[in-house]
Amino acid sequence: MTRADLDKDPHDVAAMFDGVAGRYDLTNTVLTAGQDRVWRRRTREALQLCPGQRVLDLAAGTAVSTVELARSGAWVVAADFSLGMLRAGARRAVPKVAADALALPFADGAFDAATISFGLRNVADPDAALAELARVTRPGGRLLVCEFGRPSWAPFRAVYHLGLQRVLPAIADRVSSNPAAYRYLGESIRAWPAQPELAARIAAAGWRDVAWRDLTFGAVALHRAVRA
């Protein structure tokens, strides 16, 4: 089975996600002890969506996050570059588009809000993806990035990283269709910048009023911003 390396070659990353698509939702729920549901709900709440607003859910995977966002009454489109992930979510009745985060197939200012959950660190050029999200979001529109973070409390951070190195692969060996892919995911989480650095990169990409809120003791963070 394919696994990506930290150079994040787009073809390798897409092929890797194609390979885990069939059991992706189940694996995530098991690995997070059900916290994935909480994170999706917090993302929807933080965006403060209104009925009728147009929302882009980038790196939506099987569209489970899109369905959660659509509970607000907003019109939400799932976009992902893994066709296997989109096919795995075919039963979910939301619009779906195959899309590259670095060249989105949408007009300037097409959306009132945009979100990307646990996908930004898998993009070959995260800064370019943030700028592309800014392009397709109207001025004054909102961004929500839900991504793994770096816990600030040292004892928890040590336990967290030990879990990424040992516990995550052990569980993935039992429940995932491609355990090697989850070894890459653990490596990518450990290599990802801490919350202040990500906030600075979001601001540099055309967003203002950037702020974040830690979830699960900083293992995950919600970064919120407004289109400049």
Protein backbone atom coordinates (compact mmCIF):
# COMPACT_ATOMS: atom_id res chain seq x y z
CA MET A 1 0.00 0.00 0.00
CA THR A 2 1.12 3.57 -0.70
CA ARG A 3 2.29 5.90 2.03
CA ALA A 4 3.46 9.47 1.58
CA ASP A 5 6.69 11.00 2.78
CA LEU A 6 7.08 14.36 4.47
CA ASP A 7 7.93 15.99 1.12
CA LYS A 8 4.16 15.57 0.50
CA ASP A 9 4.26 14.75 -3.18
CA PRO A 10 0.63 15.36 -4.25
CA HIS A 11 0.34 12.11 -6.18
CA ASP A 12 1.66 10.05 -3.27
CA VAL A 13 -0.59 11.81 -0.75
CA ALA A 14 -3.67 11.35 -2.93
CA ALA A 15 -2.86 7.69 -3.55
CA MET A 16 -2.31 7.14 0.16
CA PHE A 17 -5.71 8.60 1.05
CA ASP A 18 -7.34 6.62 -1.75
CA GLY A 19 -5.95 3.51 -0.08
CA VAL A 20 -7.36 4.26 3.39
CA ALA A 21 -10.70 5.69 2.25
CA GLY A 22 -12.83 2.61 2.90
CA ARG A 23 -12.12 2.51 6.65
CA TYR A 24 -11.03 6.11 7.15
CA ASP A 25 -13.97 7.29 9.27
CA LEU A 26 -13.90 4.22 11.50
CA THR A 27 -10.15 4.46 12.00
CA ASN A 28 -10.34 8.14 12.94
CA THR A 29 -13.07 7.52 15.49
CA VAL A 30 -11.12 4.67 17.08
CA LEU A 31 -7.80 6.56 17.10
CA THR A 32 -9.34 9.67 18.69
CA ALA A 33 -11.64 7.79 21.09
CA GLY A 34 -14.57 9.58 19.51
CA GLN A 35 -13.10 13.07 19.86
CA ASP A 36 -13.30 13.53 16.08
CA ARG A 37 -17.04 14.13 16.46
CA VAL A 38 -16.43 16.80 19.08
CA TRP A 39 -13.87 18.55 16.88
CA ARG A 40 -16.26 18.63 13.93
CA ARG A 41 -19.00 20.14 16.08
CA ARG A 42 -16.62 22.75 17.52
CA THR A 43 -15.56 23.68 13.99
CA ARG A 44 -19.16 24.28 12.94
CA GLU A 45 -19.90 26.31 16.06
CA ALA A 46 -16.76 28.45 15.67
CA LEU A 47 -17.66 29.40 12.09
CA GLN A 48 -21.04 30.80 13.22
CA LEU A 49 -22.67 29.93 9.92
CA CYS A 50 -26.09 31.20 8.85
CA PRO A 51 -28.67 29.51 6.61
CA GLY A 52 -28.02 30.16 2.95
CA GLN A 53 -24.34 31.07 3.30
CA ARG A 54 -21.92 29.45 0.87
CA VAL A 55 -19.16 27.43 2.51
CA LEU A 56 -16.14 25.56 1.19
CA ASP A 57 -15.07 22.46 3.12
CA LEU A 58 -11.59 21.81 1.74
CA ALA A 59 -9.84 18.47 2.28
CA ALA A 60 -13.29 17.16 3.20
CA GLY A 61 -12.40 13.52 2.63
CA THR A 62 -15.53 11.40 2.90
CA ALA A 63 -17.62 14.54 3.55
CA VAL A 64 -18.49 13.65 7.14
CA SER A 65 -17.26 17.13 8.11
CA THR A 66 -19.36 18.67 5.33
CA VAL A 67 -22.52 17.06 6.67
CA GLU A 68 -21.77 18.49 10.11
CA LEU A 69 -21.26 22.00 8.68
CA ALA A 70 -24.49 21.72 6.66
CA ARG A 71 -26.44 21.25 9.89
CA SER A 72 -26.21 25.06 10.21
CA GLY A 73 -28.43 25.48 7.15
CA ALA A 74 -25.54 26.77 5.05
CA TRP A 75 -24.86 25.47 1.54
CA VAL A 76 -21.59 23.54 1.90
CA VAL A 77 -19.49 21.92 -0.81
CA ALA A 78 -16.96 19.18 -0.08
CA ALA A 79 -13.69 19.48 -1.98
CA ASP A 80 -10.85 16.97 -1.92
CA PHE A 81 -8.10 15.80 -4.28
CA SER A 82 -8.54 12.13 -3.32
CA LEU A 83 -11.18 10.61 -5.57
CA GLY A 84 -11.18 7.53 -3.37
CA MET A 85 -12.21 9.59 -0.35
CA LEU A 86 -14.98 11.34 -2.26
CA ARG A 87 -16.27 8.00 -3.55
CA ALA A 88 -16.23 6.58 -0.01
CA GLY A 89 -18.53 9.42 1.01
CA ALA A 90 -20.83 9.11 -2.02
CA ARG A 91 -23.84 8.26 0.14
CA ARG A 92 -23.63 11.62 1.91
CA ALA A 93 -26.03 14.00 0.21
CA VAL A 94 -23.82 17.08 -0.10
CA PRO A 95 -22.19 18.52 -3.24
CA LYS A 96 -18.70 17.19 -3.88
CA VAL A 97 -15.89 18.49 -6.10
CA ALA A 98 -12.49 17.01 -6.91
CA ALA A 99 -10.12 19.90 -6.28
CA ASP A 100 -6.47 20.75 -5.76
CA ALA A 101 -5.93 23.01 -2.73
CA LEU A 102 -3.28 24.93 -4.69
CA ALA A 103 -5.55 25.66 -7.69
CA LEU A 104 -9.16 25.69 -6.52
CA PRO A 105 -11.78 25.55 -9.31
CA PHE A 106 -13.85 28.41 -7.88
CA ALA A 107 -14.22 32.10 -8.68
CA ASP A 108 -12.72 34.86 -6.58
CA GLY A 109 -14.87 35.59 -3.53
CA ALA A 110 -17.22 32.70 -4.21
CA PHE A 111 -17.66 31.71 -0.54
CA ASP A 112 -18.82 33.35 2.65
CA ALA A 113 -16.63 31.01 4.69
CA ALA A 114 -14.03 28.31 4.20
CA THR A 115 -12.69 25.56 6.39
CA ILE A 116 -10.02 22.90 6.24
CA SER A 117 -9.79 20.23 8.93
CA PHE A 118 -6.70 18.06 9.37
CA GLY A 119 -5.74 18.65 5.74
CA LEU A 120 -3.50 21.70 5.66
CA ARG A 121 -0.42 19.84 6.88
CA ASN A 122 -0.83 17.32 4.01
CA VAL A 123 -0.64 20.01 1.32
CA ALA A 124 2.71 20.41 -0.48
CA ASP A 125 2.62 24.20 0.05
CA PRO A 126 0.38 25.15 3.03
CA ASP A 127 1.07 28.87 2.61
CA ALA A 128 -0.09 28.80 -1.00
CA ALA A 129 -3.19 26.86 0.05
CA LEU A 130 -4.03 29.49 2.67
CA ALA A 131 -3.66 32.20 0.01
CA GLU A 132 -5.87 30.23 -2.37
CA LEU A 133 -8.51 29.91 0.35
CA ALA A 134 -8.33 33.68 0.78
CA ARG A 135 -8.83 34.16 -2.96
CA VAL A 136 -12.08 32.20 -3.06
CA THR A 137 -13.47 33.75 0.13
CA ARG A 138 -15.19 37.14 -0.04
CA PRO A 139 -13.73 40.10 1.91
CA GLY A 140 -15.02 39.85 5.46
CA GLY A 141 -15.63 36.11 5.05
CA ARG A 142 -14.36 33.66 7.64
CA LEU A 143 -11.74 30.92 7.77
CA LEU A 144 -11.55 28.05 10.22
CA VAL A 145 -8.50 25.77 10.25
CA CYS A 146 -8.89 22.74 12.50
CA GLU A 147 -5.53 21.07 12.79
CA PHE A 148 -3.37 19.13 15.18
CA GLY A 149 -1.41 21.42 17.48
CA ARG A 150 1.44 21.34 19.94
CA PRO A 151 0.37 20.94 23.58
CA SER A 152 1.88 23.67 25.75
CA TRP A 153 2.04 21.64 28.98
CA ALA A 154 5.29 19.67 28.81
CA PRO A 155 4.14 16.48 30.62
CA PHE A 156 1.09 16.12 28.38
CA ARG A 157 3.16 16.96 25.30
CA ALA A 158 5.57 14.13 26.13
CA VAL A 159 2.72 11.63 26.54
CA TYR A 160 1.06 12.92 23.37
CA HIS A 161 4.18 12.46 21.24
CA LEU A 162 4.78 9.03 22.71
CA GLY A 163 1.25 8.14 21.66
CA LEU A 164 1.91 9.34 18.12
CA GLN A 165 5.05 7.22 17.92
CA ARG A 166 3.77 4.01 19.51
CA VAL A 167 0.06 3.92 20.25
CA LEU A 168 -1.20 5.31 16.94
CA PRO A 169 0.70 2.75 14.79
CA ALA A 170 -0.38 -0.10 17.07
CA ILE A 171 -4.06 0.80 16.77
CA ALA A 172 -3.75 1.48 13.04
CA ASP A 173 -2.27 -2.00 12.59
CA ARG A 174 -5.57 -3.41 13.88
CA VAL A 175 -8.21 -1.18 12.29
CA SER A 176 -6.74 0.57 9.24
CA SER A 177 -6.59 -0.79 5.71
CA ASN A 178 -3.14 0.82 5.35
CA PRO A 179 -1.27 1.05 8.68
CA ALA A 180 1.81 2.56 6.99
CA ALA A 181 -0.26 5.62 6.07
CA TYR A 182 -0.88 6.31 9.75
CA ARG A 183 2.84 6.19 10.45
CA TYR A 184 3.19 9.04 7.95
CA LEU A 185 0.29 10.88 9.62
CA GLY A 186 1.99 10.60 13.01
CA GLU A 187 5.24 11.92 11.53
CA SER A 188 3.42 14.82 9.85
CA ILE A 189 1.74 15.80 13.14
CA ARG A 190 5.07 15.85 15.00
CA ALA A 191 6.63 17.96 12.22
CA TRP A 192 3.75 20.48 12.12
CA PRO A 193 4.40 23.96 13.60
CA ALA A 194 3.01 25.13 16.92
CA GLN A 195 -0.08 27.31 17.09
CA PRO A 196 1.67 30.75 17.12
CA GLU A 197 3.64 29.94 13.97
CA LEU A 198 0.56 28.69 12.13
CA ALA A 199 -1.33 31.84 13.16
CA ALA A 200 1.46 33.99 11.68
CA ARG A 201 1.37 32.05 8.43
CA ILE A 202 -2.41 32.46 8.17
CA ALA A 203 -2.04 36.22 8.66
CA ALA A 204 0.66 36.38 5.97
CA ALA A 205 -1.67 34.70 3.47
CA GLY A 206 -4.28 37.46 3.40
CA TRP A 207 -6.26 36.93 6.60
CA ARG A 208 -6.74 39.25 9.57
CA ASP A 209 -7.90 38.95 13.18
CA VAL A 210 -6.26 35.55 13.47
CA ALA A 211 -6.85 33.78 16.77
CA TRP A 212 -6.84 30.21 17.96
CA ARG A 213 -8.44 28.10 20.64
CA ASP A 214 -6.92 24.89 21.93
CA LEU A 215 -8.96 21.71 22.19
CA THR A 216 -7.95 18.53 24.02
CA PHE A 217 -5.16 20.33 25.90
CA GLY A 218 -3.69 21.73 22.69
CA ALA A 219 -3.47 18.44 20.82
CA VAL A 220 -5.87 20.09 18.36
CA ALA A 221 -6.42 23.80 17.73
CA LEU A 222 -9.07 25.83 15.95
CA HIS A 223 -7.56 28.79 14.09
CA ARG A 224 -10.16 31.41 13.14
CA ALA A 225 -9.56 34.38 10.82
CA VAL A 226 -11.36 36.96 8.67
CA ARG A 227 -10.65 37.65 5.00
CA ALA A 228 -8.83 40.98 4.72
